[in-house]
Protein backbone atom coordinates (compact mmCIF):
# COMPACT_ATOMS: atom_id res chain seq x y z
CA MET A 1 144.25 -73.00 -282.75
CA SER A 2 145.92 -69.76 -283.70
CA SER A 3 149.54 -69.64 -284.62
CA PRO A 4 151.99 -67.58 -282.52
CA LYS A 5 152.12 -65.02 -285.28
CA ASN A 6 148.31 -64.49 -285.19
CA ARG A 7 148.31 -64.39 -281.38
CA ASP A 8 150.73 -61.44 -281.48
CA LEU A 9 148.31 -59.55 -283.71
CA ASP A 10 145.42 -60.24 -281.30
CA ASP A 11 147.35 -58.83 -278.34
CA ARG A 12 148.02 -55.46 -279.92
CA PRO A 13 146.18 -52.55 -278.34
CA VAL A 14 143.24 -51.27 -280.32
CA PRO A 15 143.20 -47.49 -280.53
CA ARG A 16 140.08 -45.76 -279.25
CA PRO A 17 138.02 -43.84 -281.75
CA ALA A 18 138.61 -40.09 -281.69
CA LYS A 19 136.27 -38.12 -279.47
CA SER A 20 133.99 -35.51 -280.94
CA PRO A 21 134.54 -31.87 -279.95
CA ALA A 22 131.36 -32.07 -277.83
CA GLN A 23 132.64 -35.14 -275.96
CA THR A 24 136.01 -33.48 -275.41
CA ALA A 25 134.33 -30.33 -274.07
CA LEU A 26 132.13 -32.37 -271.71
CA ILE A 27 135.12 -34.29 -270.36
CA ARG A 28 137.04 -31.04 -269.86
CA THR A 29 134.07 -29.54 -267.98
CA LEU A 30 133.68 -32.56 -265.70
CA ASN A 31 137.42 -32.62 -264.99
CA ARG A 32 137.43 -28.90 -264.16
CA ARG A 33 134.57 -29.39 -261.73
CA ARG A 34 136.41 -32.28 -260.06
CA GLU A 35 139.57 -30.20 -259.81
CA TYR A 36 137.57 -27.31 -258.34
CA LEU A 37 136.34 -29.59 -255.56
CA GLU A 38 139.88 -30.80 -254.91
CA ARG A 39 141.01 -27.22 -254.48
CA HIS A 40 137.94 -26.17 -252.44
CA PRO A 41 137.25 -28.93 -249.88
CA SER A 42 135.17 -26.46 -247.88
CA TYR A 43 132.39 -27.07 -250.42
CA PHE A 44 131.56 -30.27 -248.53
CA GLU A 45 131.41 -28.55 -245.14
CA GLY A 46 128.60 -26.05 -245.64
CA SER A 47 125.74 -26.44 -243.18
CA ASP A 48 123.26 -25.94 -246.02
CA ARG A 49 124.56 -29.09 -247.81
CA GLU A 50 121.99 -31.01 -245.79
CA PHE A 51 119.34 -29.57 -248.11
CA ALA A 52 120.87 -31.36 -251.11
CA ASP A 53 118.91 -34.41 -249.94
CA PRO A 54 117.61 -34.11 -246.36
CA ILE A 55 116.45 -37.73 -246.17
CA LEU A 56 119.77 -39.06 -247.43
CA TYR A 57 121.60 -36.78 -244.99
CA GLU A 58 119.52 -38.23 -242.19
CA ARG A 59 120.33 -41.81 -243.29
CA LEU A 60 124.04 -41.29 -243.82
CA ILE A 61 125.00 -38.65 -241.26
CA LYS A 62 122.38 -38.04 -238.57
CA ARG A 63 121.78 -41.75 -237.95
CA HIS A 64 125.34 -42.10 -236.67
CA GLN A 65 125.34 -39.03 -234.43
CA THR A 66 124.91 -39.24 -230.70
CA PRO A 67 122.09 -37.17 -229.16
CA GLN A 68 124.73 -34.77 -227.85
CA GLU A 69 126.25 -34.36 -231.35
CA ARG A 70 122.80 -33.68 -232.80
CA GLN A 71 122.14 -31.08 -230.15
CA THR A 72 125.51 -29.40 -230.76
CA GLU A 73 124.84 -29.40 -234.50
CA GLY A 74 121.41 -27.91 -233.89
CA VAL A 75 122.79 -25.11 -231.73
CA GLY A 76 125.45 -24.37 -234.36
CA LYS A 77 122.93 -24.24 -237.20
CA GLY A 78 120.22 -22.44 -235.32
CA TYR A 79 116.59 -23.24 -234.71
CA ALA A 80 115.36 -21.88 -238.05
CA HIS A 81 117.82 -24.04 -240.00
CA MET A 82 116.83 -27.16 -238.07
CA LEU A 83 113.15 -26.43 -238.62
CA GLU A 84 113.75 -25.88 -242.34
CA ALA A 85 115.64 -29.19 -242.58
CA ASP A 86 112.83 -31.07 -240.83
CA LEU A 87 110.30 -29.46 -243.16
CA ALA A 88 112.38 -30.38 -246.21
CA ARG A 89 112.62 -34.01 -245.04
CA GLY A 90 108.86 -34.14 -244.61
CA GLU A 91 108.25 -32.65 -248.05
CA SER A 92 110.69 -35.12 -249.61
CA ARG A 93 108.89 -38.03 -247.98
CA LEU A 94 105.49 -36.76 -249.13
CA SER A 95 106.80 -36.25 -252.65
CA ALA A 96 108.21 -39.78 -252.72
CA LEU A 97 104.91 -41.21 -251.51
CA ALA A 98 102.95 -39.23 -254.11
CA THR A 99 105.30 -40.38 -256.87
CA GLU A 100 104.97 -44.00 -255.82
CA ALA A 101 101.18 -43.70 -255.45
CA ALA A 102 100.91 -42.29 -258.97
CA GLY A 103 103.03 -45.16 -260.26
CA GLU A 104 105.52 -42.77 -261.85
CA GLN A 105 109.12 -43.65 -262.39
CA ARG A 106 111.52 -41.47 -260.49
CA THR A 107 114.13 -39.97 -262.78
CA GLU A 108 117.73 -39.50 -261.78
CA PHE A 109 117.25 -35.81 -261.00
CA ASN A 110 113.87 -35.92 -259.23
CA SER A 111 115.26 -38.55 -256.92
CA PRO A 112 118.32 -36.86 -255.42
CA SER A 113 119.57 -40.08 -253.85
CA ARG A 114 120.08 -41.61 -257.27
CA TRP A 115 122.46 -40.02 -259.74
CA LYS A 116 123.87 -41.35 -262.95
CA ALA A 117 127.60 -40.92 -262.79
CA SER A 118 129.51 -39.44 -265.71
CA SER A 119 130.67 -42.98 -266.44
CA GLY A 120 127.03 -43.90 -267.12
CA VAL A 121 126.86 -46.11 -264.03
CA ASP A 122 123.98 -45.69 -261.63
CA HIS A 123 124.95 -45.04 -258.03
CA VAL A 124 122.51 -45.48 -255.20
CA TRP A 125 123.88 -43.28 -252.46
CA ASP A 126 121.56 -44.41 -249.73
CA GLU A 127 123.05 -47.86 -249.45
CA ARG A 128 123.19 -49.14 -245.90
CA ALA A 129 125.94 -47.18 -244.18
CA THR A 130 126.80 -49.34 -241.21
CA THR A 131 129.49 -47.04 -239.85
CA ARG A 132 129.85 -43.33 -239.34
CA GLU A 133 132.89 -43.27 -241.62
CA ARG A 134 131.08 -45.08 -244.44
CA GLY A 135 128.13 -42.71 -244.08
CA ARG A 136 130.38 -39.65 -244.38
CA GLU A 137 132.20 -41.21 -247.33
CA LEU A 138 128.92 -41.89 -249.18
CA TRP A 139 127.59 -38.41 -248.37
CA LYS A 140 130.73 -36.75 -249.68
CA GLU A 141 130.67 -38.90 -252.83
CA PHE A 142 126.99 -38.00 -253.35
CA LEU A 143 127.78 -34.28 -253.05
CA ARG A 144 130.80 -34.66 -255.38
CA GLU A 145 128.87 -36.45 -258.11
CA ARG A 146 125.95 -34.04 -257.77
CA PHE A 147 128.29 -31.07 -258.18
CA VAL A 148 130.21 -32.58 -261.10
CA GLN A 149 126.97 -33.37 -262.94
CA GLY A 150 125.78 -29.78 -262.44
CA GLY A 151 123.00 -30.70 -260.02
CA ASP A 152 123.73 -28.15 -257.30
CA GLU A 153 121.12 -25.51 -258.06
CA ASP A 154 122.45 -23.25 -255.31
CA PHE A 155 125.97 -23.10 -256.77
CA GLN A 156 126.03 -19.89 -258.80
CA SER A 157 129.52 -20.19 -260.31
CA TYR A 158 129.36 -23.20 -262.64
CA GLU A 159 130.13 -20.96 -265.63
CA ASP A 160 133.21 -19.58 -263.88
CA VAL A 161 134.44 -23.07 -262.98
CA ASP A 162 133.68 -24.52 -266.41
CA GLY A 163 135.61 -21.73 -268.15
CA ASP A 164 138.61 -21.68 -265.77
CA GLU A 165 141.62 -22.99 -267.70
CA ASP A 166 143.70 -22.94 -264.50
CA LEU A 167 141.74 -26.03 -263.44
CA ASP A 168 143.20 -28.05 -266.33
CA GLY A 169 146.06 -29.44 -264.26
CA ASP A 170 146.20 -32.88 -265.92
CA LEU A 171 145.98 -31.40 -269.41
CA ARG A 172 148.86 -29.03 -268.69
CA ARG A 173 151.00 -31.84 -267.31
CA GLU A 174 150.35 -33.93 -270.41
CA GLU A 175 151.29 -31.02 -272.69
CA GLU A 176 154.50 -30.40 -270.72
CA GLU A 177 155.42 -34.08 -270.95
CA ARG A 178 154.98 -33.99 -274.76
């Protein structure tokens, strides 16, 4: 049994090891990308976001739409967009079947529905979304994590976001508090 004096020593916080400059830069980049999304919520609303993962979009969003909502969405997007989305879903399914038939492991970036979060934890975004709200929540979280990890190939401004010091809101607040 430890004495009260030893117990006090065991309860002291242990300082974390210092981060390398590369780790610090990565954390800053990820935080800037998160802040960018906070300031630009319209990123999640683009009609072309469906192409990030057409099958996942179908599972999380389309599944919960009424036929009338699907029709309205189709009219808003246009026939060509709807055709392109259907084609992309078909190609994704064929690719998945070919990958499974070849016995290959799907990596985190060739399987858009599975991303490794910056925390190192795997997230499977196509979990069963039993409600419309849960489906939208999972879809938005998928898009957020994909963006933060740099996986949005259509986003042309990563360099601008990553170098924008104005997005360092938390860092500035910490400096002001010191």
